[in-house]
C-alpha atoms as a PDB file:
ATOM      1  CA  UNK A   1       0.000   0.000   0.000  1.00  0.00           C
ATOM      2  CA  UNK A   2       0.904   3.621  -0.474  1.00  0.00           C
ATOM      3  CA  UNK A   3      -1.574   5.670   1.518  1.00  0.00           C
ATOM      4  CA  UNK A   4      -4.892   3.959   0.631  1.00  0.00           C
ATOM      5  CA  UNK A   5      -3.872   2.473  -2.725  1.00  0.00           C
ATOM      6  CA  UNK A   6      -2.919  -1.204  -3.007  1.00  0.00           C
ATOM      7  CA  UNK A   7       0.046  -1.222  -5.361  1.00  0.00           C
ATOM      8  CA  UNK A   8       1.454  -4.759  -5.258  1.00  0.00           C
ATOM      9  CA  UNK A   9       1.036  -8.218  -3.775  1.00  0.00           C
ATOM     10  CA  UNK A  10       3.455 -11.079  -3.318  1.00  0.00           C
ATOM     11  CA  UNK A  11       2.902 -14.824  -3.205  1.00  0.00           C
ATOM     12  CA  UNK A  12       5.991 -16.992  -2.930  1.00  0.00           C
ATOM     13  CA  UNK A  13       8.315 -16.131  -5.798  1.00  0.00           C
ATOM     14  CA  UNK A  14       5.683 -14.021  -7.588  1.00  0.00           C
ATOM     15  CA  UNK A  15       5.133 -10.287  -7.191  1.00  0.00           C
ATOM     16  CA  UNK A  16       2.241  -8.625  -9.001  1.00  0.00           C
ATOM     17  CA  UNK A  17       2.233  -4.859  -9.401  1.00  0.00           C
ATOM     18  CA  UNK A  18      -1.203  -3.343  -9.924  1.00  0.00           C
ATOM     19  CA  UNK A  19      -1.294  -0.267 -12.196  1.00  0.00           C
ATOM     20  CA  UNK A  20      -0.225   2.828 -10.269  1.00  0.00           C
ATOM     21  CA  UNK A  21       1.887   5.971 -10.374  1.00  0.00           C
ATOM     22  CA  UNK A  22       5.051   6.271  -8.338  1.00  0.00           C
ATOM     23  CA  UNK A  23       7.858   8.727  -7.722  1.00  0.00           C
ATOM     24  CA  UNK A  24      11.429   8.158  -8.776  1.00  0.00           C
ATOM     25  CA  UNK A  25      14.600  10.097  -8.161  1.00  0.00           C
ATOM     26  CA  UNK A  26      15.905  12.068 -11.141  1.00  0.00           C
ATOM     27  CA  UNK A  27      18.776  13.906  -9.474  1.00  0.00           C
ATOM     28  CA  UNK A  28      20.091  13.411  -5.943  1.00  0.00           C
ATOM     29  CA  UNK A  29      20.214  16.357  -3.589  1.00  0.00           C
ATOM     30  CA  UNK A  30      23.391  17.693  -2.086  1.00  0.00           C
ATOM     31  CA  UNK A  31      24.540  20.045   0.652  1.00  0.00           C
ATOM     32  CA  UNK A  32      21.288  19.509   2.528  1.00  0.00           C
ATOM     33  CA  UNK A  33      19.089  20.413  -0.452  1.00  0.00           C
ATOM     34  CA  UNK A  34      16.442  17.977  -1.674  1.00  0.00           C
ATOM     35  CA  UNK A  35      16.816  16.093  -4.918  1.00  0.00           C
ATOM     36  CA  UNK A  36      14.579  16.260  -7.968  1.00  0.00           C
ATOM     37  CA  UNK A  37      11.818  13.694  -8.371  1.00  0.00           C
ATOM     38  CA  UNK A  38       9.457  12.581 -11.122  1.00  0.00           C
ATOM     39  CA  UNK A  39       6.041  11.955  -9.544  1.00  0.00           C
ATOM     40  CA  UNK A  40       4.316  10.759 -12.709  1.00  0.00           C
ATOM     41  CA  UNK A  41       6.054   7.456 -13.489  1.00  0.00           C
ATOM     42  CA  UNK A  42       3.543   4.682 -14.095  1.00  0.00           C
ATOM     43  CA  UNK A  43       3.737   0.920 -13.890  1.00  0.00           C
ATOM     44  CA  UNK A  44       1.121  -1.177 -15.645  1.00  0.00           C
ATOM     45  CA  UNK A  45      -0.131  -4.563 -14.441  1.00  0.00           C
ATOM     46  CA  UNK A  46       3.169  -6.427 -14.157  1.00  0.00           C
ATOM     47  CA  UNK A  47       4.287  -9.815 -12.845  1.00  0.00           C
ATOM     48  CA  UNK A  48       7.816 -10.571 -11.680  1.00  0.00           C
ATOM     49  CA  UNK A  49       9.520 -13.860 -10.748  1.00  0.00           C
ATOM     50  CA  UNK A  50      11.648 -12.747  -7.798  1.00  0.00           C
ATOM     51  CA  UNK A  51      13.686 -15.973  -7.771  1.00  0.00           C
ATOM     52  CA  UNK A  52      15.009 -15.221 -11.257  1.00  0.00           C
ATOM     53  CA  UNK A  53      14.662 -11.418 -11.348  1.00  0.00           C
ATOM     54  CA  UNK A  54      15.130  -9.787  -7.940  1.00  0.00           C
ATOM     55  CA  UNK A  55      15.459  -6.346  -9.563  1.00  0.00           C
ATOM     56  CA  UNK A  56      11.978  -6.636 -11.103  1.00  0.00           C
ATOM     57  CA  UNK A  57      13.234  -5.782 -14.590  1.00  0.00           C
ATOM     58  CA  UNK A  58      11.426  -8.433 -16.672  1.00  0.00           C
ATOM     59  CA  UNK A  59       7.630  -8.354 -16.740  1.00  0.00           C
ATOM     60  CA  UNK A  60       6.458 -11.951 -17.336  1.00  0.00           C
ATOM     61  CA  UNK A  61       2.702 -11.306 -17.050  1.00  0.00           C
ATOM     62  CA  UNK A  62       2.063 -12.400 -20.637  1.00  0.00           C
ATOM     63  CA  UNK A  63       3.772 -15.766 -19.985  1.00  0.00           C
ATOM     64  CA  UNK A  64       1.847 -16.558 -16.780  1.00  0.00           C
ATOM     65  CA  UNK A  65      -1.733 -15.269 -17.190  1.00  0.00           C
ATOM     66  CA  UNK A  66      -3.178 -17.708 -14.627  1.00  0.00           C
ATOM     67  CA  UNK A  67      -0.774 -16.445 -11.951  1.00  0.00           C
ATOM     68  CA  UNK A  68      -1.744 -12.857 -12.815  1.00  0.00           C
ATOM     69  CA  UNK A  69      -5.434 -13.728 -12.608  1.00  0.00           C
ATOM     70  CA  UNK A  70      -5.047 -15.517  -9.247  1.00  0.00           C
ATOM     71  CA  UNK A  71      -2.997 -12.762  -7.635  1.00  0.00           C
ATOM     72  CA  UNK A  72      -5.128  -9.942  -9.018  1.00  0.00           C
ATOM     73  CA  UNK A  73      -8.304 -11.609  -7.729  1.00  0.00           C
ATOM     74  CA  UNK A  74      -6.747 -12.137  -4.284  1.00  0.00           C
ATOM     75  CA  UNK A  75      -5.462  -8.547  -4.194  1.00  0.00           C
ATOM     76  CA  UNK A  76      -8.833  -7.041  -5.115  1.00  0.00           C
ATOM     77  CA  UNK A  77     -10.648  -9.182  -2.517  1.00  0.00           C
ATOM     78  CA  UNK A  78      -8.148  -8.252   0.210  1.00  0.00           C
ATOM     79  CA  UNK A  79      -8.318  -4.558  -0.690  1.00  0.00           C
ATOM     80  CA  UNK A  80     -12.132  -4.565  -0.658  1.00  0.00           C
ATOM     81  CA  UNK A  81     -12.283  -6.361   2.696  1.00  0.00           C
ATOM     82  CA  UNK A  82      -9.763  -4.017   4.273  1.00  0.00           C
ATOM     83  CA  UNK A  83     -11.569  -0.908   3.018  1.00  0.00           C
ATOM     84  CA  UNK A  84     -14.934  -2.263   4.150  1.00  0.00           C
ATOM     85  CA  UNK A  85     -13.616  -2.603   7.701  1.00  0.00           C
ATOM     86  CA  UNK A  86     -11.712   0.691   7.867  1.00  0.00           C
ATOM     87  CA  UNK A  87     -11.821   2.738  11.042  1.00  0.00           C
ATOM     88  CA  UNK A  88     -10.399   6.163  11.881  1.00  0.00           C
ATOM     89  CA  UNK A  89      -6.798   6.135  13.046  1.00  0.00           C
ATOM     90  CA  UNK A  90      -6.460   6.212  16.806  1.00  0.00           C
ATOM     91  CA  UNK A  91     -10.031   5.105  17.514  1.00  0.00           C
ATOM     92  CA  UNK A  92     -11.083   1.685  18.750  1.00  0.00           C
ATOM     93  CA  UNK A  93     -14.373   0.202  17.698  1.00  0.00           C
ATOM     94  CA  UNK A  94     -16.316  -2.724  19.075  1.00  0.00           C
ATOM     95  CA  UNK A  95     -15.117  -5.998  17.601  1.00  0.00           C
ATOM     96  CA  UNK A  96     -17.559  -7.768  15.325  1.00  0.00           C
ATOM     97  CA  UNK A  97     -18.848 -11.117  16.503  1.00  0.00           C
END
């Protein structure tokens, strides 16, 4: 998650990125000044085999559509359940029975 957006899920060696924007460093800062960032980079639905590609450089989603389908379905269900049961930060609510 980043804030309230589910961005990726992992299951064993597989990591599925859901489509989202992210920031990336363009130029590092120096002498206490901040660097320059690009806030509009986008990753599409992407699947990575972390055993063979730890740097997540080769999207293999087209080769493993059933893995993509399984992980995307699980991610959407988890995200929906979590958002359905959201509560304000710092406040306790009665537990459901």
